[in-house]
């Protein structure tokens, strides 16, 4: 009987300690998932801001060439610099890790950055044609190429902003990953 009186509180203490360990481990996992998600969101916000600033400046200069307020040579360096920068942004975004559903947003963002690079290539092609062409059919083709590239650049910029909003809407779920994982 004396042994039971001693063992009962000890066993209750061990059970309580084991329960606390389980709770603290679960809380640690939730905190880690939340921290990972917040880092991902911050990275998206930062890259989106930088890409938007870059694309707005490039689009403004391209628009000036489209409306014949500047010559085609005026955008040559801008297009080259913007292309290199967007390619770096794409590499940066590819290196991000995050929750599983966040990876889809990352992949979509990379796709839009690649779309913007292709659009700049189209603008560069049109500007080169415009700079080397004499008036006539090649001039119309060059203007069309610049306009299509410009519009694709604008659409890529808008899509990048939409992906940033999608990232902001991500929420970490507090359930265990083996059951339901993230609700993103």
N, C-alpha and C. Protein backbone atom coordinates (compact mmCIF):
# COMPACT_ATOMS: atom_id res chain seq x y z
N UNK A 1 0.82 -1.19 0.00
CA UNK A 1 0.00 0.00 0.00
C UNK A 1 0.86 1.25 0.00
N UNK A 2 1.93 1.23 0.80
CA UNK A 2 2.84 2.38 0.84
C UNK A 2 3.50 2.58 -0.52
N UNK A 3 3.83 1.50 -1.18
CA UNK A 3 4.43 1.57 -2.50
C UNK A 3 3.46 2.20 -3.50
N UNK A 4 2.21 1.88 -3.42
CA UNK A 4 1.19 2.45 -4.30
C UNK A 4 1.04 3.95 -4.07
N UNK A 5 1.11 4.37 -2.82
CA UNK A 5 1.01 5.79 -2.49
C UNK A 5 2.19 6.55 -3.07
N UNK A 6 3.32 5.96 -3.17
CA UNK A 6 4.52 6.62 -3.73
C UNK A 6 4.49 6.55 -5.25
N UNK A 7 4.13 5.42 -5.82
CA UNK A 7 4.17 5.26 -7.27
C UNK A 7 3.07 6.03 -8.00
N UNK A 8 1.93 6.17 -7.40
CA UNK A 8 0.83 6.86 -8.05
C UNK A 8 1.17 8.31 -8.40
N UNK A 9 1.68 9.14 -7.50
CA UNK A 9 2.06 10.51 -7.88
C UNK A 9 3.21 10.54 -8.90
N UNK A 10 4.15 9.60 -8.78
CA UNK A 10 5.27 9.55 -9.73
C UNK A 10 4.75 9.23 -11.13
N UNK A 11 3.84 8.28 -11.24
CA UNK A 11 3.27 7.92 -12.55
C UNK A 11 2.43 9.07 -13.10
N UNK A 12 1.73 9.77 -12.28
CA UNK A 12 0.94 10.93 -12.72
C UNK A 12 1.87 12.03 -13.24
N UNK A 13 2.98 12.22 -12.55
CA UNK A 13 3.95 13.22 -12.99
C UNK A 13 4.56 12.83 -14.35
N UNK A 14 4.89 11.58 -14.52
CA UNK A 14 5.46 11.11 -15.78
C UNK A 14 4.45 11.28 -16.91
N UNK A 15 3.19 10.95 -16.66
CA UNK A 15 2.16 11.10 -17.69
C UNK A 15 1.97 12.57 -18.06
N UNK A 16 1.98 13.43 -17.06
CA UNK A 16 1.85 14.87 -17.31
C UNK A 16 3.04 15.40 -18.11
N UNK A 17 4.23 14.96 -17.75
CA UNK A 17 5.44 15.39 -18.46
C UNK A 17 5.41 14.91 -19.91
N UNK A 18 4.98 13.68 -20.14
CA UNK A 18 4.90 13.16 -21.51
C UNK A 18 3.88 13.95 -22.32
N UNK A 19 2.76 14.27 -21.71
CA UNK A 19 1.75 15.09 -22.41
C UNK A 19 2.29 16.45 -22.77
N UNK A 20 3.04 17.06 -21.86
CA UNK A 20 3.63 18.38 -22.16
C UNK A 20 4.65 18.30 -23.29
N UNK A 21 5.42 17.23 -23.31
CA UNK A 21 6.40 17.05 -24.39
C UNK A 21 5.69 16.98 -25.74
N UNK A 22 4.61 16.24 -25.81
CA UNK A 22 3.85 16.11 -27.06
C UNK A 22 3.29 17.47 -27.48
N UNK A 23 2.74 18.20 -26.53
CA UNK A 23 2.17 19.52 -26.84
C UNK A 23 3.26 20.48 -27.31
N UNK A 24 4.40 20.50 -26.64
CA UNK A 24 5.47 21.42 -27.03
C UNK A 24 6.06 21.07 -28.39
N UNK A 25 6.18 19.77 -28.69
CA UNK A 25 6.67 19.38 -30.02
C UNK A 25 5.71 19.85 -31.10
N UNK A 26 4.41 19.67 -30.88
CA UNK A 26 3.41 20.12 -31.85
C UNK A 26 3.44 21.62 -32.02
N UNK A 27 3.59 22.33 -30.93
CA UNK A 27 3.66 23.80 -31.00
C UNK A 27 4.90 24.25 -31.76
N UNK A 28 5.99 23.53 -31.56
CA UNK A 28 7.22 23.86 -32.28
C UNK A 28 7.07 23.67 -33.78
N UNK A 29 6.38 22.62 -34.17
CA UNK A 29 6.14 22.37 -35.59
C UNK A 29 5.25 23.45 -36.20
N UNK A 30 4.23 23.83 -35.47
CA UNK A 30 3.33 24.88 -35.95
C UNK A 30 4.10 26.18 -36.12
N UNK A 31 4.92 26.50 -35.13
CA UNK A 31 5.72 27.74 -35.20
C UNK A 31 6.69 27.69 -36.38
N UNK A 32 7.29 26.53 -36.62
CA UNK A 32 8.23 26.40 -37.74
C UNK A 32 7.52 26.57 -39.07
N UNK A 33 6.33 25.96 -39.22
CA UNK A 33 5.59 26.11 -40.48
C UNK A 33 5.15 27.55 -40.69
N UNK A 34 4.72 28.19 -39.62
CA UNK A 34 4.30 29.58 -39.72
C UNK A 34 5.48 30.48 -40.08
N UNK A 35 6.63 30.24 -39.47
CA UNK A 35 7.83 31.03 -39.78
C UNK A 35 8.24 30.83 -41.24
N UNK A 36 8.20 29.58 -41.71
CA UNK A 36 8.55 29.29 -43.11
C UNK A 36 7.60 30.02 -44.06
N UNK A 37 6.32 30.01 -43.74
CA UNK A 37 5.33 30.68 -44.58
C UNK A 37 5.55 32.19 -44.58
N UNK A 38 5.84 32.76 -43.43
CA UNK A 38 6.07 34.20 -43.36
C UNK A 38 7.32 34.61 -44.14
N UNK A 39 8.35 33.79 -44.10
CA UNK A 39 9.56 34.08 -44.88
C UNK A 39 9.26 34.02 -46.37
N UNK A 40 8.46 33.05 -46.77
CA UNK A 40 8.08 32.93 -48.17
C UNK A 40 7.29 34.16 -48.62
N UNK A 41 6.32 34.58 -47.80
CA UNK A 41 5.51 35.76 -48.14
C UNK A 41 6.38 37.00 -48.25
N UNK A 42 7.33 37.17 -47.33
CA UNK A 42 8.22 38.34 -47.37
C UNK A 42 9.08 38.32 -48.64
N UNK A 43 9.56 37.15 -49.03
CA UNK A 43 10.37 37.03 -50.25
C UNK A 43 9.53 37.39 -51.47
N UNK A 44 8.29 36.92 -51.52
CA UNK A 44 7.39 37.24 -52.64
C UNK A 44 7.14 38.74 -52.70
N UNK A 45 6.83 39.35 -51.55
CA UNK A 45 6.57 40.80 -51.52
C UNK A 45 7.76 41.58 -52.05
N UNK A 46 8.94 41.21 -51.58
CA UNK A 46 10.15 41.93 -51.99
C UNK A 46 10.40 41.78 -53.49
N UNK A 47 10.35 40.56 -53.98
CA UNK A 47 10.61 40.34 -55.41
C UNK A 47 9.54 41.00 -56.27
N UNK A 48 8.30 40.94 -55.84
CA UNK A 48 7.21 41.56 -56.60
C UNK A 48 7.41 43.07 -56.69
N UNK A 49 7.80 43.68 -55.59
CA UNK A 49 8.04 45.12 -55.61
C UNK A 49 9.18 45.48 -56.57
N UNK A 50 10.29 44.73 -56.49
CA UNK A 50 11.42 45.01 -57.37
C UNK A 50 11.06 44.78 -58.83
N UNK A 51 10.36 43.69 -59.12
CA UNK A 51 9.98 43.38 -60.50
C UNK A 51 9.00 44.42 -61.04
N UNK A 52 8.06 44.84 -60.21
CA UNK A 52 7.08 45.84 -60.64
C UNK A 52 7.76 47.17 -60.96
N UNK A 53 8.69 47.57 -60.12
CA UNK A 53 9.42 48.82 -60.37
C UNK A 53 10.21 48.74 -61.68
N UNK A 54 10.88 47.62 -61.88
CA UNK A 54 11.68 47.42 -63.09
C UNK A 54 10.78 47.40 -64.33
N UNK A 55 9.70 46.65 -64.27
CA UNK A 55 8.82 46.53 -65.44
C UNK A 55 8.09 47.83 -65.74
N UNK A 56 7.75 48.59 -64.72
CA UNK A 56 7.09 49.89 -64.94
C UNK A 56 8.04 50.84 -65.68
N UNK A 57 9.29 50.88 -65.26
CA UNK A 57 10.26 51.75 -65.91
C UNK A 57 10.51 51.32 -67.36
N UNK A 58 10.68 50.01 -67.56
CA UNK A 58 10.91 49.51 -68.93
C UNK A 58 9.69 49.77 -69.81
N UNK A 59 8.50 49.52 -69.27
CA UNK A 59 7.28 49.72 -70.06
C UNK A 59 7.12 51.19 -70.45
N UNK A 60 7.48 52.08 -69.55
CA UNK A 60 7.39 53.51 -69.87
C UNK A 60 8.28 53.90 -71.03
N UNK A 61 9.50 53.38 -71.04
CA UNK A 61 10.41 53.70 -72.13
C UNK A 61 9.98 53.02 -73.44
N UNK A 62 9.49 51.81 -73.34
CA UNK A 62 9.02 51.11 -74.54
C UNK A 62 7.81 51.84 -75.12
N UNK A 63 6.94 52.31 -74.25
CA UNK A 63 5.76 53.04 -74.70
C UNK A 63 6.15 54.32 -75.44
N UNK A 64 7.22 54.96 -74.99
CA UNK A 64 7.69 56.17 -75.68
C UNK A 64 8.15 55.83 -77.10
N UNK A 65 8.79 54.69 -77.27
CA UNK A 65 9.21 54.27 -78.62
C UNK A 65 7.98 53.91 -79.45
N UNK A 66 7.03 53.23 -78.83
CA UNK A 66 5.79 52.87 -79.55
C UNK A 66 5.08 54.10 -80.10
N UNK A 67 5.06 55.16 -79.33
CA UNK A 67 4.38 56.39 -79.75
C UNK A 67 5.31 57.36 -80.47
N UNK A 68 6.47 56.85 -80.86
CA UNK A 68 7.46 57.59 -81.64
C UNK A 68 7.89 58.88 -80.95
N UNK A 69 7.94 58.85 -79.62
CA UNK A 69 8.46 59.98 -78.85
C UNK A 69 9.95 59.80 -78.60
N UNK A 70 10.45 58.61 -78.88
CA UNK A 70 11.87 58.30 -78.76
C UNK A 70 12.24 57.32 -79.86
N UNK A 71 13.52 57.31 -80.19
CA UNK A 71 13.99 56.39 -81.22
C UNK A 71 14.19 54.99 -80.66
N UNK A 72 14.24 53.98 -81.53
CA UNK A 72 14.38 52.60 -81.06
C UNK A 72 15.69 52.34 -80.32
N UNK A 73 16.71 53.12 -80.62
CA UNK A 73 17.99 52.95 -79.93
C UNK A 73 17.91 53.36 -78.46
N UNK A 74 16.88 54.13 -78.12
CA UNK A 74 16.74 54.63 -76.75
C UNK A 74 16.42 53.51 -75.76
N UNK A 75 15.88 52.39 -76.22
CA UNK A 75 15.49 51.33 -75.29
C UNK A 75 16.45 50.14 -75.30
N UNK A 76 17.46 50.20 -76.13
CA UNK A 76 18.37 49.07 -76.27
C UNK A 76 18.99 48.67 -74.93
N UNK A 77 19.58 49.61 -74.24
CA UNK A 77 20.23 49.31 -72.96
C UNK A 77 19.21 48.95 -71.89
N UNK A 78 18.08 49.60 -71.90
CA UNK A 78 17.02 49.31 -70.93
C UNK A 78 16.55 47.87 -71.06
N UNK A 79 16.32 47.45 -72.29
CA UNK A 79 15.85 46.08 -72.54
C UNK A 79 16.91 45.07 -72.10
N UNK A 80 18.15 45.33 -72.41
CA UNK A 80 19.23 44.42 -72.03
C UNK A 80 19.34 44.31 -70.51
N UNK A 81 19.36 45.45 -69.83
CA UNK A 81 19.47 45.46 -68.37
C UNK A 81 18.26 44.80 -67.71
N UNK A 82 17.07 45.11 -68.21
CA UNK A 82 15.86 44.54 -67.63
C UNK A 82 15.83 43.02 -67.82
N UNK A 83 16.26 42.56 -68.98
CA UNK A 83 16.28 41.12 -69.25
C UNK A 83 17.22 40.41 -68.28
N UNK A 84 18.42 40.95 -68.10
CA UNK A 84 19.38 40.33 -67.18
C UNK A 84 18.85 40.33 -65.75
N UNK A 85 18.24 41.43 -65.35
CA UNK A 85 17.71 41.53 -63.99
C UNK A 85 16.56 40.55 -63.78
N UNK A 86 15.66 40.45 -64.74
CA UNK A 86 14.53 39.51 -64.61
C UNK A 86 15.01 38.07 -64.58
N UNK A 87 16.05 37.75 -65.32
CA UNK A 87 16.61 36.40 -65.27
C UNK A 87 17.19 36.10 -63.89
N UNK A 88 17.84 37.09 -63.28
CA UNK A 88 18.35 36.92 -61.91
C UNK A 88 17.20 36.74 -60.92
N UNK A 89 16.14 37.50 -61.11
CA UNK A 89 14.97 37.36 -60.24
C UNK A 89 14.38 35.96 -60.36
N UNK A 90 14.34 35.43 -61.57
CA UNK A 90 13.83 34.08 -61.78
C UNK A 90 14.68 33.04 -61.05
N UNK A 91 15.99 33.18 -61.13
CA UNK A 91 16.89 32.26 -60.43
C UNK A 91 16.69 32.38 -58.92
N UNK A 92 16.53 33.59 -58.43
CA UNK A 92 16.29 33.82 -57.01
C UNK A 92 15.00 33.12 -56.57
N UNK A 93 13.95 33.27 -57.34
CA UNK A 93 12.66 32.68 -56.99
C UNK A 93 12.73 31.15 -57.05
N UNK A 94 13.48 30.60 -57.99
CA UNK A 94 13.60 29.14 -58.08
C UNK A 94 14.25 28.56 -56.84
N UNK A 95 15.07 29.32 -56.16
CA UNK A 95 15.79 28.81 -54.99
C UNK A 95 14.94 28.81 -53.72
N UNK A 96 13.77 29.42 -53.75
CA UNK A 96 12.92 29.48 -52.56
C UNK A 96 12.31 28.13 -52.26
N UNK A 97 12.20 27.87 -50.98
CA UNK A 97 11.42 26.70 -50.55
C UNK A 97 10.29 27.24 -49.69
N UNK A 98 9.33 26.44 -49.51
CA UNK A 98 8.19 26.86 -48.71
C UNK A 98 7.20 25.75 -48.63
N UNK A 99 6.07 26.00 -48.06
CA UNK A 99 5.02 24.98 -47.99
C UNK A 99 4.67 24.47 -49.38
N UNK A 100 4.15 23.28 -49.43
CA UNK A 100 3.88 22.62 -50.71
C UNK A 100 3.02 23.47 -51.65
N UNK A 101 1.91 24.00 -51.17
CA UNK A 101 1.05 24.79 -52.05
C UNK A 101 1.67 26.13 -52.42
N UNK A 102 2.60 26.58 -51.63
CA UNK A 102 3.29 27.82 -51.97
C UNK A 102 4.21 27.60 -53.17
N UNK A 103 4.64 26.36 -53.37
CA UNK A 103 5.51 26.06 -54.50
C UNK A 103 4.81 26.33 -55.83
N UNK A 104 3.51 26.13 -55.88
CA UNK A 104 2.76 26.41 -57.11
C UNK A 104 2.78 27.91 -57.41
N UNK A 105 2.66 28.72 -56.38
CA UNK A 105 2.74 30.17 -56.56
C UNK A 105 4.13 30.56 -57.03
N UNK A 106 5.15 29.97 -56.43
CA UNK A 106 6.52 30.25 -56.84
C UNK A 106 6.72 29.88 -58.30
N UNK A 107 6.25 28.72 -58.70
CA UNK A 107 6.41 28.28 -60.09
C UNK A 107 5.67 29.20 -61.06
N UNK A 108 4.48 29.63 -60.68
CA UNK A 108 3.72 30.57 -61.51
C UNK A 108 4.44 31.91 -61.62
N UNK A 109 5.01 32.36 -60.52
CA UNK A 109 5.76 33.62 -60.53
C UNK A 109 6.98 33.52 -61.45
N UNK A 110 7.68 32.42 -61.36
CA UNK A 110 8.84 32.21 -62.25
C UNK A 110 8.39 32.20 -63.70
N UNK A 111 7.26 31.56 -63.97
CA UNK A 111 6.73 31.54 -65.34
C UNK A 111 6.43 32.93 -65.86
N UNK A 112 5.89 33.79 -65.01
CA UNK A 112 5.59 35.16 -65.44
C UNK A 112 6.87 35.97 -65.63
N UNK A 113 7.87 35.72 -64.82
CA UNK A 113 9.16 36.40 -65.03
C UNK A 113 9.77 35.97 -66.37
N UNK A 114 9.65 34.69 -66.68
CA UNK A 114 10.14 34.20 -67.98
C UNK A 114 9.32 34.81 -69.12
N UNK A 115 8.04 34.97 -68.92
CA UNK A 115 7.17 35.61 -69.92
C UNK A 115 7.62 37.05 -70.17
N UNK A 116 7.97 37.75 -69.10
CA UNK A 116 8.44 39.13 -69.24
C UNK A 116 9.77 39.17 -70.00
N UNK A 117 10.63 38.19 -69.77
CA UNK A 117 11.91 38.13 -70.50
C UNK A 117 11.64 37.91 -71.99
N UNK A 118 10.72 37.01 -72.30
CA UNK A 118 10.37 36.78 -73.72
C UNK A 118 9.76 38.03 -74.34
N UNK A 119 8.95 38.74 -73.58
CA UNK A 119 8.34 39.98 -74.08
C UNK A 119 9.42 41.02 -74.38
N UNK A 120 10.41 41.11 -73.51
CA UNK A 120 11.51 42.04 -73.76
C UNK A 120 12.31 41.62 -74.99
N UNK A 121 12.44 40.33 -75.22
CA UNK A 121 13.11 39.84 -76.42
C UNK A 121 12.34 40.25 -77.68
N UNK A 122 11.04 40.21 -77.60
CA UNK A 122 10.21 40.62 -78.73
C UNK A 122 10.36 42.13 -78.98
N UNK A 123 10.41 42.90 -77.91
CA UNK A 123 10.60 44.35 -78.04
C UNK A 123 11.97 44.64 -78.65
N UNK A 124 12.97 43.92 -78.18
CA UNK A 124 14.32 44.13 -78.71
C UNK A 124 14.39 43.79 -80.19
N UNK A 125 13.73 42.71 -80.57
CA UNK A 125 13.69 42.32 -81.98
C UNK A 125 13.03 43.43 -82.82
N UNK A 126 11.90 43.93 -82.34
CA UNK A 126 11.21 45.01 -83.07
C UNK A 126 12.04 46.28 -83.13
N UNK A 127 12.71 46.62 -82.03
CA UNK A 127 13.53 47.83 -82.01
C UNK A 127 14.72 47.70 -82.97
N UNK A 128 15.32 46.52 -83.01
CA UNK A 128 16.43 46.30 -83.95
C UNK A 128 15.95 46.40 -85.39
N UNK A 129 14.78 45.83 -85.67
CA UNK A 129 14.22 45.92 -87.02
C UNK A 129 13.91 47.37 -87.36
N UNK A 130 13.35 48.09 -86.43
CA UNK A 130 12.97 49.48 -86.65
C UNK A 130 14.20 50.36 -86.89
N UNK A 131 15.26 50.09 -86.15
CA UNK A 131 16.48 50.87 -86.28
C UNK A 131 17.18 50.61 -87.62
N UNK A 132 17.07 49.37 -88.12
CA UNK A 132 17.79 49.04 -89.35
C UNK A 132 16.92 49.11 -90.60
N UNK A 133 15.63 49.20 -90.43
CA UNK A 133 14.72 49.15 -91.58
C UNK A 133 14.46 50.54 -92.13
N UNK A 134 14.21 50.55 -93.39
CA UNK A 134 13.72 51.76 -94.03
C UNK A 134 12.20 51.68 -93.97
N UNK A 135 11.55 52.74 -94.21
CA UNK A 135 10.08 52.77 -94.14
C UNK A 135 9.50 51.72 -95.08
N UNK A 136 8.37 51.17 -94.67
CA UNK A 136 7.70 50.18 -95.50
C UNK A 136 7.18 49.03 -94.67
N UNK A 137 7.16 47.86 -95.27
CA UNK A 137 6.57 46.69 -94.63
C UNK A 137 7.34 46.29 -93.37
N UNK A 138 8.67 46.40 -93.39
CA UNK A 138 9.47 46.04 -92.22
C UNK A 138 9.18 46.99 -91.06
N UNK A 139 8.85 48.22 -91.36
CA UNK A 139 8.52 49.18 -90.32
C UNK A 139 7.25 48.75 -89.58
N UNK A 140 6.27 48.32 -90.32
CA UNK A 140 5.02 47.86 -89.71
C UNK A 140 5.26 46.60 -88.87
N UNK A 141 6.06 45.70 -89.39
CA UNK A 141 6.38 44.48 -88.64
C UNK A 141 7.13 44.81 -87.35
N UNK A 142 8.04 45.75 -87.43
CA UNK A 142 8.79 46.17 -86.25
C UNK A 142 7.88 46.80 -85.20
N UNK A 143 6.98 47.67 -85.65
CA UNK A 143 6.03 48.30 -84.72
C UNK A 143 5.12 47.25 -84.07
N UNK A 144 4.70 46.27 -84.85
CA UNK A 144 3.85 45.21 -84.32
C UNK A 144 4.60 44.40 -83.27
N UNK A 145 5.85 44.09 -83.53
CA UNK A 145 6.66 43.34 -82.59
C UNK A 145 6.84 44.11 -81.28
N UNK A 146 7.10 45.38 -81.39
CA UNK A 146 7.26 46.21 -80.19
C UNK A 146 5.95 46.27 -79.41
N UNK A 147 4.85 46.44 -80.11
CA UNK A 147 3.55 46.53 -79.43
C UNK A 147 3.19 45.21 -78.74
N UNK A 148 3.39 44.10 -79.41
CA UNK A 148 3.09 42.81 -78.80
C UNK A 148 3.98 42.55 -77.59
N UNK A 149 5.23 42.88 -77.72
CA UNK A 149 6.14 42.72 -76.59
C UNK A 149 5.73 43.60 -75.41
N UNK A 150 5.35 44.83 -75.73
CA UNK A 150 4.89 45.76 -74.69
C UNK A 150 3.66 45.21 -73.98
N UNK A 151 2.69 44.74 -74.73
CA UNK A 151 1.46 44.21 -74.13
C UNK A 151 1.74 42.95 -73.30
N UNK A 152 2.60 42.09 -73.79
CA UNK A 152 2.98 40.90 -73.01
C UNK A 152 3.69 41.30 -71.72
N UNK A 153 4.48 42.34 -71.79
CA UNK A 153 5.18 42.84 -70.59
C UNK A 153 4.17 43.36 -69.57
N UNK A 154 3.18 44.09 -70.02
CA UNK A 154 2.14 44.61 -69.14
C UNK A 154 1.35 43.45 -68.51
N UNK A 155 1.01 42.46 -69.32
CA UNK A 155 0.25 41.32 -68.80
C UNK A 155 1.08 40.52 -67.80
N UNK A 156 2.36 40.36 -68.05
CA UNK A 156 3.23 39.66 -67.10
C UNK A 156 3.31 40.43 -65.78
N UNK A 157 3.40 41.74 -65.88
CA UNK A 157 3.45 42.58 -64.68
C UNK A 157 2.17 42.42 -63.85
N UNK A 158 1.03 42.42 -64.51
CA UNK A 158 -0.25 42.25 -63.81
C UNK A 158 -0.34 40.86 -63.18
N UNK A 159 0.13 39.84 -63.88
CA UNK A 159 0.08 38.48 -63.36
C UNK A 159 1.00 38.32 -62.15
N UNK A 160 2.15 38.96 -62.18
CA UNK A 160 3.07 38.91 -61.04
C UNK A 160 2.38 39.51 -59.81
N UNK A 161 1.67 40.60 -60.00
CA UNK A 161 0.93 41.22 -58.89
C UNK A 161 -0.15 40.28 -58.37
N UNK A 162 -0.83 39.56 -59.26
CA UNK A 162 -1.87 38.60 -58.83
C UNK A 162 -1.26 37.47 -58.00
N UNK A 163 -0.08 37.00 -58.39
CA UNK A 163 0.57 35.93 -57.64
C UNK A 163 1.00 36.41 -56.26
N UNK A 164 1.37 37.67 -56.16
CA UNK A 164 1.73 38.23 -54.85
C UNK A 164 0.51 38.25 -53.93
N UNK A 165 -0.65 38.57 -54.49
CA UNK A 165 -1.89 38.56 -53.70
C UNK A 165 -2.21 37.13 -53.27
N UNK A 166 -2.03 36.17 -54.15
CA UNK A 166 -2.25 34.77 -53.79
C UNK A 166 -1.34 34.35 -52.64
N UNK A 167 -0.10 34.79 -52.68
CA UNK A 167 0.85 34.44 -51.61
C UNK A 167 0.42 35.06 -50.28
N UNK A 168 -0.07 36.27 -50.32
CA UNK A 168 -0.52 36.93 -49.09
C UNK A 168 -1.72 36.22 -48.48
N UNK A 169 -2.50 35.54 -49.30
CA UNK A 169 -3.70 34.85 -48.81
C UNK A 169 -3.39 33.48 -48.21
N UNK A 170 -2.14 33.03 -48.31
CA UNK A 170 -1.78 31.73 -47.74
C UNK A 170 -1.88 31.78 -46.21
N UNK A 171 -2.42 30.70 -45.63
CA UNK A 171 -2.56 30.61 -44.18
C UNK A 171 -2.05 29.24 -43.75
N UNK A 172 -1.26 29.22 -42.69
CA UNK A 172 -0.77 27.95 -42.15
C UNK A 172 -1.85 27.34 -41.27
N UNK A 173 -2.06 26.06 -41.45
CA UNK A 173 -3.03 25.34 -40.63
C UNK A 173 -2.30 24.76 -39.42
N UNK A 174 -2.99 24.64 -38.32
CA UNK A 174 -2.36 24.13 -37.11
C UNK A 174 -2.49 22.62 -36.96
N UNK A 175 -2.97 21.92 -37.96
CA UNK A 175 -3.09 20.48 -37.86
C UNK A 175 -1.75 19.84 -38.20
N UNK A 176 -1.63 18.58 -37.86
CA UNK A 176 -0.39 17.87 -38.14
C UNK A 176 -0.25 17.63 -39.63
N UNK A 177 0.98 17.73 -40.19
CA UNK A 177 1.17 17.51 -41.62
C UNK A 177 0.71 16.14 -42.08
N UNK A 178 0.78 15.12 -41.24
CA UNK A 178 0.37 13.78 -41.65
C UNK A 178 -1.14 13.68 -41.85
N UNK A 179 -1.89 14.55 -41.21
CA UNK A 179 -3.35 14.51 -41.34
C UNK A 179 -3.82 15.36 -42.49
N UNK A 180 -3.68 16.68 -42.35
CA UNK A 180 -4.18 17.57 -43.39
C UNK A 180 -3.09 18.48 -43.94
N UNK A 181 -2.04 18.71 -43.23
CA UNK A 181 -0.95 19.58 -43.71
C UNK A 181 -1.35 21.04 -43.66
N UNK A 182 -0.89 21.76 -44.61
CA UNK A 182 -1.15 23.19 -44.69
C UNK A 182 -2.49 23.43 -45.36
N UNK A 183 -3.18 24.42 -44.92
CA UNK A 183 -4.35 24.92 -45.63
C UNK A 183 -3.87 26.19 -46.31
N UNK A 184 -3.46 26.04 -47.52
CA UNK A 184 -2.88 27.18 -48.22
C UNK A 184 -3.72 27.59 -49.38
